[in-house]
PDB file of N, CA and C in Angstrom:
ATOM      1  N   MET A   1     -68.698 -92.704-124.661  1.00  0.00           N
ATOM      2  CA  MET A   1     -67.642 -91.832-124.965  1.00  0.00           C
ATOM      3  C   MET A   1     -68.201 -90.726-125.963  1.00  0.00           C
ATOM      4  N   THR A   2     -67.864 -89.421-125.769  1.00  0.00           N
ATOM      5  CA  THR A   2     -68.354 -88.424-126.672  1.00  0.00           C
ATOM      6  C   THR A   2     -67.388 -88.169-127.787  1.00  0.00           C
ATOM      7  N   ALA A   3     -67.842 -88.031-128.957  1.00  0.00           N
ATOM      8  CA  ALA A   3     -66.967 -87.828-130.101  1.00  0.00           C
ATOM      9  C   ALA A   3     -66.569 -86.378-130.084  1.00  0.00           C
ATOM     10  N   SER A   4     -65.224 -86.278-130.411  1.00  0.00           N
ATOM     11  CA  SER A   4     -64.647 -84.860-130.519  1.00  0.00           C
ATOM     12  C   SER A   4     -64.892 -84.257-131.902  1.00  0.00           C
ATOM     13  N   MET A   5     -65.287 -82.948-132.055  1.00  0.00           N
ATOM     14  CA  MET A   5     -65.485 -82.418-133.242  1.00  0.00           C
ATOM     15  C   MET A   5     -64.365 -81.347-133.565  1.00  0.00           C
ATOM     16  N   SER A   6     -63.295 -81.528-132.752  1.00  0.00           N
ATOM     17  CA  SER A   6     -62.168 -80.508-132.845  1.00  0.00           C
ATOM     18  C   SER A   6     -61.161 -80.951-133.961  1.00  0.00           C
ATOM     19  N   LYS A   7     -61.131 -82.294-134.404  1.00  0.00           N
ATOM     20  CA  LYS A   7     -60.406 -82.544-135.506  1.00  0.00           C
ATOM     21  C   LYS A   7     -61.181 -83.161-136.674  1.00  0.00           C
ATOM     22  N   PHE A   8     -60.840 -82.625-137.849  1.00  0.00           N
ATOM     23  CA  PHE A   8     -61.678 -82.981-138.998  1.00  0.00           C
ATOM     24  C   PHE A   8     -60.832 -82.889-140.343  1.00  0.00           C
ATOM     25  N   TYR A   9     -61.256 -83.599-141.295  1.00  0.00           N
ATOM     26  CA  TYR A   9     -60.677 -83.570-142.578  1.00  0.00           C
ATOM     27  C   TYR A   9     -61.491 -82.776-143.544  1.00  0.00           C
ATOM     28  N   ARG A  10     -60.879 -81.974-144.492  1.00  0.00           N
ATOM     29  CA  ARG A  10     -61.669 -81.390-145.491  1.00  0.00           C
ATOM     30  C   ARG A  10     -60.987 -81.516-146.746  1.00  0.00           C
ATOM     31  N   TYR A  11     -61.896 -81.563-147.773  1.00  0.00           N
ATOM     32  CA  TYR A  11     -61.438 -81.585-149.129  1.00  0.00           C
ATOM     33  C   TYR A  11     -62.564 -81.065-150.172  1.00  0.00           C
ATOM     34  N   LYS A  12     -62.033 -80.604-151.207  1.00  0.00           N
ATOM     35  CA  LYS A  12     -62.924 -80.103-152.298  1.00  0.00           C
ATOM     36  C   LYS A  12     -63.397 -81.360-152.951  1.00  0.00           C
ATOM     37  N   GLY A  13     -64.652 -81.428-153.333  1.00  0.00           N
ATOM     38  CA  GLY A  13     -65.125 -82.585-154.033  1.00  0.00           C
ATOM     39  C   GLY A  13     -66.353 -82.188-154.876  1.00  0.00           C
ATOM     40  N   SER A  14     -67.242 -83.220-155.117  1.00  0.00           N
ATOM     41  CA  SER A  14     -68.378 -83.045-155.988  1.00  0.00           C
ATOM     42  C   SER A  14     -69.730 -83.520-155.296  1.00  0.00           C
ATOM     43  N   LEU A  15     -70.800 -83.037-155.851  1.00  0.00           N
ATOM     44  CA  LEU A  15     -72.067 -83.593-155.399  1.00  0.00           C
ATOM     45  C   LEU A  15     -72.117 -85.193-155.684  1.00  0.00           C
ATOM     46  N   THR A  16     -72.812 -85.890-154.949  1.00  0.00           N
ATOM     47  CA  THR A  16     -72.906 -87.400-155.175  1.00  0.00           C
ATOM     48  C   THR A  16     -74.081 -87.724-156.023  1.00  0.00           C
ATOM     49  N   THR A  17     -74.730 -86.814-156.499  1.00  0.00           N
ATOM     50  CA  THR A  17     -75.884 -87.137-157.499  1.00  0.00           C
ATOM     51  C   THR A  17     -75.673 -86.310-158.757  1.00  0.00           C
ATOM     52  N   PRO A  18     -76.166 -86.767-159.804  1.00  0.00           N
ATOM     53  CA  PRO A  18     -75.929 -85.955-161.118  1.00  0.00           C
ATOM     54  C   PRO A  18     -76.498 -84.476-160.907  1.00  0.00           C
ATOM     55  N   THR A  19     -75.738 -83.732-161.317  1.00  0.00           N
ATOM     56  CA  THR A  19     -74.788 -83.647-162.334  1.00  0.00           C
ATOM     57  C   THR A  19     -73.308 -83.735-161.828  1.00  0.00           C
ATOM     58  N   CYS A  20     -73.266 -84.123-160.506  1.00  0.00           N
ATOM     59  CA  CYS A  20     -71.858 -84.357-159.883  1.00  0.00           C
ATOM     60  C   CYS A  20     -70.978 -83.156-160.032  1.00  0.00           C
ATOM     61  N   ASP A  21     -71.585 -81.927-159.949  1.00  0.00           N
ATOM     62  CA  ASP A  21     -70.897 -80.787-159.974  1.00  0.00           C
ATOM     63  C   ASP A  21     -69.727 -80.588-158.895  1.00  0.00           C
ATOM     64  N   GLU A  22     -68.579 -80.251-159.239  1.00  0.00           N
ATOM     65  CA  GLU A  22     -67.447 -80.128-158.236  1.00  0.00           C
ATOM     66  C   GLU A  22     -67.583 -78.778-157.579  1.00  0.00           C
ATOM     67  N   SER A  23     -68.618 -78.629-156.648  1.00  0.00           N
ATOM     68  CA  SER A  23     -68.818 -77.431-155.956  1.00  0.00           C
ATOM     69  C   SER A  23     -69.027 -77.696-154.484  1.00  0.00           C
ATOM     70  N   VAL A  24     -68.517 -78.758-153.884  1.00  0.00           N
ATOM     71  CA  VAL A  24     -68.713 -79.125-152.489  1.00  0.00           C
ATOM     72  C   VAL A  24     -67.374 -79.173-151.798  1.00  0.00           C
ATOM     73  N   THR A  25     -67.358 -78.675-150.554  1.00  0.00           N
ATOM     74  CA  THR A  25     -66.315 -78.888-149.630  1.00  0.00           C
ATOM     75  C   THR A  25     -66.751 -79.880-148.588  1.00  0.00           C
ATOM     76  N   TRP A  26     -66.242 -81.046-148.673  1.00  0.00           N
ATOM     77  CA  TRP A  26     -66.635 -82.142-147.725  1.00  0.00           C
ATOM     78  C   TRP A  26     -65.872 -82.002-146.319  1.00  0.00           C
ATOM     79  N   THR A  27     -66.636 -82.354-145.334  1.00  0.00           N
ATOM     80  CA  THR A  27     -65.950 -82.337-143.962  1.00  0.00           C
ATOM     81  C   THR A  27     -66.266 -83.712-143.423  1.00  0.00           C
ATOM     82  N   VAL A  28     -65.156 -84.285-142.943  1.00  0.00           N
ATOM     83  CA  VAL A  28     -65.202 -85.673-142.401  1.00  0.00           C
ATOM     84  C   VAL A  28     -64.562 -85.484-141.000  1.00  0.00           C
ATOM     85  N   PHE A  29     -65.366 -85.747-139.935  1.00  0.00           N
ATOM     86  CA  PHE A  29     -64.792 -85.693-138.617  1.00  0.00           C
ATOM     87  C   PHE A  29     -63.931 -86.841-138.303  1.00  0.00           C
ATOM     88  N   ALA A  30     -62.820 -86.590-137.542  1.00  0.00           N
ATOM     89  CA  ALA A  30     -61.865 -87.703-137.217  1.00  0.00           C
ATOM     90  C   ALA A  30     -62.454 -88.845-136.333  1.00  0.00           C
ATOM     91  N   ASP A  31     -63.458 -88.310-135.498  1.00  0.00           N
ATOM     92  CA  ASP A  31     -64.230 -89.260-134.587  1.00  0.00           C
ATOM     93  C   ASP A  31     -65.675 -89.315-135.142  1.00  0.00           C
ATOM     94  N   ALA A  32     -66.256 -90.560-135.157  1.00  0.00           N
ATOM     95  CA  ALA A  32     -67.548 -90.713-135.626  1.00  0.00           C
ATOM     96  C   ALA A  32     -68.545 -89.994-134.733  1.00  0.00           C
ATOM     97  N   LEU A  33     -69.591 -89.327-135.300  1.00  0.00           N
ATOM     98  CA  LEU A  33     -70.687 -88.661-134.571  1.00  0.00           C
ATOM     99  C   LEU A  33     -71.838 -89.546-134.448  1.00  0.00           C
ATOM    100  N   SER A  34     -72.522 -89.516-133.422  1.00  0.00           N
ATOM    101  CA  SER A  34     -73.724 -90.493-133.326  1.00  0.00           C
ATOM    102  C   SER A  34     -74.954 -89.750-133.537  1.00  0.00           C
ATOM    103  N   MET A  35     -75.994 -90.517-133.876  1.00  0.00           N
ATOM    104  CA  MET A  35     -77.334 -90.001-134.154  1.00  0.00           C
ATOM    105  C   MET A  35     -78.383 -90.730-133.455  1.00  0.00           C
ATOM    106  N   SER A  36     -79.407 -90.134-132.928  1.00  0.00           N
ATOM    107  CA  SER A  36     -80.426 -90.809-132.217  1.00  0.00           C
ATOM    108  C   SER A  36     -81.388 -91.570-133.150  1.00  0.00           C
ATOM    109  N   GLU A  37     -82.233 -92.438-132.701  1.00  0.00           N
ATOM    110  CA  GLU A  37     -83.206 -93.169-133.643  1.00  0.00           C
ATOM    111  C   GLU A  37     -84.161 -92.157-134.083  1.00  0.00           C
ATOM    112  N   THR A  38     -84.529 -91.076-133.253  1.00  0.00           N
ATOM    113  CA  THR A  38     -85.489 -90.182-133.654  1.00  0.00           C
ATOM    114  C   THR A  38     -84.872 -89.238-134.773  1.00  0.00           C
ATOM    115  N   GLN A  39     -83.678 -88.897-134.789  1.00  0.00           N
ATOM    116  CA  GLN A  39     -82.962 -88.093-135.784  1.00  0.00           C
ATOM    117  C   GLN A  39     -82.909 -88.884-137.118  1.00  0.00           C
ATOM    118  N   LEU A  40     -82.583 -90.198-136.926  1.00  0.00           N
ATOM    119  CA  LEU A  40     -82.531 -91.047-138.165  1.00  0.00           C
ATOM    120  C   LEU A  40     -83.840 -91.262-138.803  1.00  0.00           C
ATOM    121  N   ALA A  41     -84.810 -91.452-137.949  1.00  0.00           N
ATOM    122  CA  ALA A  41     -86.234 -91.555-138.440  1.00  0.00           C
ATOM    123  C   ALA A  41     -86.576 -90.436-139.247  1.00  0.00           C
ATOM    124  N   THR A  42     -86.304 -89.168-138.728  1.00  0.00           N
ATOM    125  CA  THR A  42     -86.569 -87.892-139.427  1.00  0.00           C
ATOM    126  C   THR A  42     -85.853 -87.848-140.713  1.00  0.00           C
ATOM    127  N   PHE A  43     -84.662 -88.234-140.694  1.00  0.00           N
ATOM    128  CA  PHE A  43     -83.799 -88.173-141.891  1.00  0.00           C
ATOM    129  C   PHE A  43     -84.372 -89.112-143.067  1.00  0.00           C
ATOM    130  N   ARG A  44     -84.931 -90.316-142.535  1.00  0.00           N
ATOM    131  CA  ARG A  44     -85.529 -91.257-143.522  1.00  0.00           C
ATOM    132  C   ARG A  44     -86.913 -90.714-144.188  1.00  0.00           C
ATOM    133  N   THR A  45     -87.392 -89.677-143.693  1.00  0.00           N
ATOM    134  CA  THR A  45     -88.593 -89.035-144.231  1.00  0.00           C
ATOM    135  C   THR A  45     -88.396 -88.039-145.342  1.00  0.00           C
ATOM    136  N   LEU A  46     -87.016 -87.835-145.669  1.00  0.00           N
ATOM    137  CA  LEU A  46     -86.700 -86.773-146.656  1.00  0.00           C
ATOM    138  C   LEU A  46     -87.019 -87.308-147.983  1.00  0.00           C
ATOM    139  N   TYR A  47     -87.319 -86.340-148.813  1.00  0.00           N
ATOM    140  CA  TYR A  47     -87.575 -86.578-150.321  1.00  0.00           C
ATOM    141  C   TYR A  47     -86.498 -85.855-151.185  1.00  0.00           C
ATOM    142  N   GLU A  48     -86.394 -86.230-152.344  1.00  0.00           N
ATOM    143  CA  GLU A  48     -85.342 -85.744-153.232  1.00  0.00           C
ATOM    144  C   GLU A  48     -85.497 -84.140-153.286  1.00  0.00           C
ATOM    145  N   ASP A  49     -86.667 -83.601-153.398  1.00  0.00           N
ATOM    146  CA  ASP A  49     -86.837 -82.239-153.326  1.00  0.00           C
ATOM    147  C   ASP A  49     -88.213 -81.964-152.715  1.00  0.00           C
ATOM    148  N   SER A  50     -88.608 -80.686-152.485  1.00  0.00           N
ATOM    149  CA  SER A  50     -89.829 -80.369-151.730  1.00  0.00           C
ATOM    150  C   SER A  50     -91.123 -80.767-152.506  1.00  0.00           C
ATOM    151  N   GLY A  51     -91.052 -80.851-153.858  1.00  0.00           N
ATOM    152  CA  GLY A  51     -92.159 -81.282-154.587  1.00  0.00           C
ATOM    153  C   GLY A  51     -92.233 -82.734-154.984  1.00  0.00           C
ATOM    154  N   SER A  52     -91.371 -83.508-154.490  1.00  0.00           N
ATOM    155  CA  SER A  52     -91.184 -84.864-154.808  1.00  0.00           C
ATOM    156  C   SER A  52     -91.821 -85.946-153.921  1.00  0.00           C
ATOM    157  N   THR A  53     -92.240 -87.065-154.336  1.00  0.00           N
ATOM    158  CA  THR A  53     -92.623 -88.202-153.553  1.00  0.00           C
ATOM    159  C   THR A  53     -91.690 -89.255-153.535  1.00  0.00           C
ATOM    160  N   LYS A  54     -90.473 -88.971-154.272  1.00  0.00           N
ATOM    161  CA  LYS A  54     -89.404 -90.080-154.362  1.00  0.00           C
ATOM    162  C   LYS A  54     -88.554 -89.847-153.020  1.00  0.00           C
ATOM    163  N   PRO A  55     -88.535 -90.862-152.215  1.00  0.00           N
ATOM    164  CA  PRO A  55     -87.610 -90.773-151.040  1.00  0.00           C
ATOM    165  C   PRO A  55     -86.169 -90.621-151.370  1.00  0.00           C
ATOM    166  N   MET A  56     -85.378 -90.031-150.527  1.00  0.00           N
ATOM    167  CA  MET A  56     -83.964 -89.697-150.783  1.00  0.00           C
ATOM    168  C   MET A  56     -83.254 -90.890-150.306  1.00  0.00           C
ATOM    169  N   VAL A  57     -83.124 -91.942-151.103  1.00  0.00           N
ATOM    170  CA  VAL A  57     -82.325 -93.031-150.751  1.00  0.00           C
ATOM    171  C   VAL A  57     -81.384 -93.473-151.864  1.00  0.00           C
ATOM    172  N   ASP A  58     -80.460 -94.129-151.529  1.00  0.00           N
ATOM    173  CA  ASP A  58     -79.388 -94.617-152.470  1.00  0.00           C
ATOM    174  C   ASP A  58     -78.695 -93.384-153.297  1.00  0.00           C
ATOM    175  N   ASN A  59     -78.564 -92.385-152.579  1.00  0.00           N
ATOM    176  CA  ASN A  59     -77.995 -91.149-153.133  1.00  0.00           C
ATOM    177  C   ASN A  59     -76.535 -91.193-152.946  1.00  0.00           C
ATOM    178  N   PHE A  60     -75.898 -92.122-153.484  1.00  0.00           N
ATOM    179  CA  PHE A  60     -74.445 -92.248-153.326  1.00  0.00           C
ATOM    180  C   PHE A  60     -73.893 -92.913-154.645  1.00  0.00           C
ATOM    181  N   ARG A  61     -72.648 -92.798-154.877  1.00  0.00           N
ATOM    182  CA  ARG A  61     -71.955 -93.333-155.945  1.00  0.00           C
ATOM    183  C   ARG A  61     -70.693 -93.820-155.528  1.00  0.00           C
ATOM    184  N   PRO A  62     -70.044 -94.759-156.242  1.00  0.00           N
ATOM    185  CA  PRO A  62     -68.683 -95.313-155.788  1.00  0.00           C
ATOM    186  C   PRO A  62     -67.656 -94.214-155.764  1.00  0.00           C
ATOM    187  N   PRO A  63     -66.656 -94.427-154.960  1.00  0.00           N
ATOM    188  CA  PRO A  63     -65.694 -93.458-154.820  1.00  0.00           C
ATOM    189  C   PRO A  63     -64.911 -93.209-156.185  1.00  0.00           C
ATOM    190  N   LEU A  64     -64.552 -92.046-156.421  1.00  0.00           N
ATOM    191  CA  LEU A  64     -63.861 -91.604-157.652  1.00  0.00           C
ATOM    192  C   LEU A  64     -62.338 -91.318-157.420  1.00  0.00           C
ATOM    193  N   ALA A  65     -61.528 -91.263-158.426  1.00  0.00           N
ATOM    194  CA  ALA A  65     -60.176 -90.886-158.321  1.00  0.00           C
ATOM    195  C   ALA A  65     -60.059 -89.524-157.705  1.00  0.00           C
ATOM    196  N   ILE A  66     -59.039 -89.244-156.792  1.00  0.00           N
ATOM    197  CA  ILE A  66     -58.859 -88.072-156.107  1.00  0.00           C
ATOM    198  C   ILE A  66     -58.477 -86.904-157.216  1.00  0.00           C
ATOM    199  N   ASN A  67     -58.016 -87.217-158.364  1.00  0.00           N
ATOM    200  CA  ASN A  67     -57.828 -86.139-159.248  1.00  0.00           C
ATOM    201  C   ASN A  67     -56.968 -84.931-158.743  1.00  0.00           C
ATOM    202  N   GLY A  68     -55.967 -85.275-157.996  1.00  0.00           N
ATOM    203  CA  GLY A  68     -54.979 -84.067-157.542  1.00  0.00           C
ATOM    204  C   GLY A  68     -55.615 -83.268-156.446  1.00  0.00           C
ATOM    205  N   ARG A  69     -56.725 -83.758-155.810  1.00  0.00           N
ATOM    206  CA  ARG A  69     -57.350 -82.969-154.685  1.00  0.00           C
ATOM    207  C   ARG A  69     -56.441 -83.213-153.347  1.00  0.00           C
ATOM    208  N   THR A  70     -56.397 -82.219-152.550  1.00  0.00           N
ATOM    209  CA  THR A  70     -55.684 -82.306-151.291  1.00  0.00           C
ATOM    210  C   THR A  70     -56.703 -82.562-150.148  1.00  0.00           C
ATOM    211  N   VAL A  71     -56.328 -83.508-149.296  1.00  0.00           N
ATOM    212  CA  VAL A  71     -57.204 -83.666-148.100  1.00  0.00           C
ATOM    213  C   VAL A  71     -56.385 -83.165-146.914  1.00  0.00           C
ATOM    214  N   SER A  72     -56.891 -82.102-146.113  1.00  0.00           N
ATOM    215  CA  SER A  72     -56.252 -81.499-145.061  1.00  0.00           C
ATOM    216  C   SER A  72     -56.904 -81.790-143.731  1.00  0.00           C
ATOM    217  N   LEU A  73     -55.983 -82.046-142.799  1.00  0.00           N
ATOM    218  CA  LEU A  73     -56.458 -82.243-141.432  1.00  0.00           C
ATOM    219  C   LEU A  73     -56.439 -80.889-140.745  1.00  0.00           C
ATOM    220  N   TYR A  74     -57.548 -80.630-140.048  1.00  0.00           N
ATOM    221  CA  TYR A  74     -57.737 -79.389-139.278  1.00  0.00           C
ATOM    222  C   TYR A  74     -57.848 -79.795-137.807  1.00  0.00           C
ATOM    223  N   ALA A  75     -57.419 -79.064-136.908  1.00  0.00           N
ATOM    224  CA  ALA A  75     -57.529 -79.259-135.511  1.00  0.00           C
ATOM    225  C   ALA A  75     -57.712 -77.970-134.732  1.00  0.00           C
ATOM    226  N   ASN A  76     -58.640 -77.881-133.812  1.00  0.00           N
ATOM    227  CA  ASN A  76     -58.949 -76.686-132.994  1.00  0.00           C
ATOM    228  C   ASN A  76     -59.098 -77.259-131.675  1.00  0.00           C
ATOM    229  N   SER A  77     -58.275 -76.935-130.687  1.00  0.00           N
ATOM    230  CA  SER A  77     -58.451 -77.376-129.366  1.00  0.00           C
ATOM    231  C   SER A  77     -59.881 -77.131-128.731  1.00  0.00           C
ATOM    232  N   ALA A  78     -60.449 -76.002-129.144  1.00  0.00           N
ATOM    233  CA  ALA A  78     -61.741 -75.582-128.506  1.00  0.00           C
ATOM    234  C   ALA A  78     -62.818 -76.123-129.515  1.00  0.00           C
ATOM    235  N   GLY A  79     -62.534 -76.414-130.718  1.00  0.00           N
ATOM    236  CA  GLY A  79     -63.557 -76.988-131.728  1.00  0.00           C
ATOM    237  C   GLY A  79     -64.594 -75.999-132.002  1.00  0.00           C
ATOM    238  N   GLN A  80     -64.314 -74.724-132.009  1.00  0.00           N
ATOM    239  CA  GLN A  80     -65.375 -73.625-132.213  1.00  0.00           C
ATOM    240  C   GLN A  80     -65.848 -73.835-133.678  1.00  0.00           C
ATOM    241  N   PHE A  81     -64.933 -73.861-134.640  1.00  0.00           N
ATOM    242  CA  PHE A  81     -65.289 -73.930-136.057  1.00  0.00           C
ATOM    243  C   PHE A  81     -66.046 -75.206-136.431  1.00  0.00           C
ATOM    244  N   ALA A  82     -65.590 -76.363-135.877  1.00  0.00           N
ATOM    245  CA  ALA A  82     -66.325 -77.503-136.064  1.00  0.00           C
ATOM    246  C   ALA A  82     -67.720 -77.509-135.525  1.00  0.00           C
ATOM    247  N   ILE A  83     -67.962 -76.817-134.417  1.00  0.00           N
ATOM    248  CA  ILE A  83     -69.275 -76.845-133.805  1.00  0.00           C
ATOM    249  C   ILE A  83     -70.134 -75.927-134.724  1.00  0.00           C
ATOM    250  N   ALA A  84     -69.545 -74.878-135.115  1.00  0.00           N
ATOM    251  CA  ALA A  84     -70.397 -73.817-135.899  1.00  0.00           C
ATOM    252  C   ALA A  84     -70.763 -74.478-137.246  1.00  0.00           C
ATOM    253  N   HIS A  85     -69.828 -75.270-137.813  1.00  0.00           N
ATOM    254  CA  HIS A  85     -70.170 -76.032-138.971  1.00  0.00           C
ATOM    255  C   HIS A  85     -71.188 -76.969-138.758  1.00  0.00           C
ATOM    256  N   VAL A  86     -71.323 -77.705-137.707  1.00  0.00           N
ATOM    257  CA  VAL A  86     -72.339 -78.799-137.398  1.00  0.00           C
ATOM    258  C   VAL A  86     -73.680 -77.993-137.120  1.00  0.00           C
ATOM    259  N   LEU A  87     -73.624 -76.902-136.506  1.00  0.00           N
ATOM    260  CA  LEU A  87     -74.796 -76.115-136.187  1.00  0.00           C
ATOM    261  C   LEU A  87     -75.457 -75.602-137.455  1.00  0.00           C
ATOM    262  N   LEU A  88     -74.633 -75.084-138.408  1.00  0.00           N
ATOM    263  CA  LEU A  88     -75.111 -74.575-139.602  1.00  0.00           C
ATOM    264  C   LEU A  88     -75.742 -75.638-140.511  1.00  0.00           C
ATOM    265  N   SER A  89     -75.091 -76.897-140.343  1.00  0.00           N
ATOM    266  CA  SER A  89     -75.521 -78.030-141.134  1.00  0.00           C
ATOM    267  C   SER A  89     -76.967 -78.442-140.554  1.00  0.00           C
ATOM    268  N   VAL A  90     -77.058 -78.461-139.312  1.00  0.00           N
ATOM    269  CA  VAL A  90     -78.392 -78.843-138.740  1.00  0.00           C
ATOM    270  C   VAL A  90     -79.398 -77.767-139.116  1.00  0.00           C
ATOM    271  N   LEU A  91     -79.042 -76.586-138.941  1.00  0.00           N
ATOM    272  CA  LEU A  91     -80.037 -75.462-139.322  1.00  0.00           C
ATOM    273  C   LEU A  91     -80.466 -75.682-140.899  1.00  0.00           C
ATOM    274  N   LEU A  92     -79.550 -75.824-141.758  1.00  0.00           N
ATOM    275  CA  LEU A  92     -79.930 -76.084-143.102  1.00  0.00           C
ATOM    276  C   LEU A  92     -80.791 -77.335-143.304  1.00  0.00           C
ATOM    277  N   PHE A  93     -80.467 -78.334-142.556  1.00  0.00           N
ATOM    278  CA  PHE A  93     -81.324 -79.552-142.663  1.00  0.00           C
ATOM    279  C   PHE A  93     -82.751 -79.262-142.195  1.00  0.00           C
ATOM    280  N   LEU A  94     -82.858 -78.573-141.112  1.00  0.00           N
ATOM    281  CA  LEU A  94     -84.217 -78.285-140.503  1.00  0.00           C
ATOM    282  C   LEU A  94     -85.088 -77.396-141.502  1.00  0.00           C
ATOM    283  N   LEU A  95     -84.228 -76.370-142.025  1.00  0.00           N
ATOM    284  CA  LEU A  95     -84.924 -75.482-143.063  1.00  0.00           C
ATOM    285  C   LEU A  95     -85.370 -76.404-144.298  1.00  0.00           C
ATOM    286  N   TYR A  96     -84.612 -77.361-144.643  1.00  0.00           N
ATOM    287  CA  TYR A  96     -84.943 -78.249-145.816  1.00  0.00           C
ATOM    288  C   TYR A  96     -86.265 -79.085-145.592  1.00  0.00           C
ATOM    289  N   ILE A  97     -86.202 -79.669-144.341  1.00  0.00           N
ATOM    290  CA  ILE A  97     -87.428 -80.588-144.091  1.00  0.00           C
ATOM    291  C   ILE A  97     -88.716 -79.811-143.710  1.00  0.00           C
ATOM    292  N   SER A  98     -88.540 -78.524-143.404  1.00  0.00           N
ATOM    293  CA  SER A  98     -89.713 -77.787-143.083  1.00  0.00           C
ATOM    294  C   SER A  98     -90.478 -77.147-144.352  1.00  0.00           C
ATOM    295  N   GLN A  99     -89.850 -77.334-145.512  1.00  0.00           N
ATOM    296  CA  GLN A  99     -90.439 -76.823-146.709  1.00  0.00           C
ATOM    297  C   GLN A  99     -91.672 -77.516-147.094  1.00  0.00           C
TER     298      GLN A  99
END
């Protein structure tokens, strides 16, 4: 079954690593997206920054209070916005690992 990218939730949040700045808009798809073993293996080769030898692992923190944030459901029958968002995310990811 192919995951739909036409329904997703958005909320304003913060980075998951210090300094935890509240400068992120998180997008969570209603349906889970899959990733190939090759994509996952590439992701596991990332480092904290381009000059680091420290792998990017355990870069999470426990959930925090919602602090009045609003979580909104977006739906687009064609999914154009969601697809553009994923493509932009993939482009940024590829630019990051090519540094």
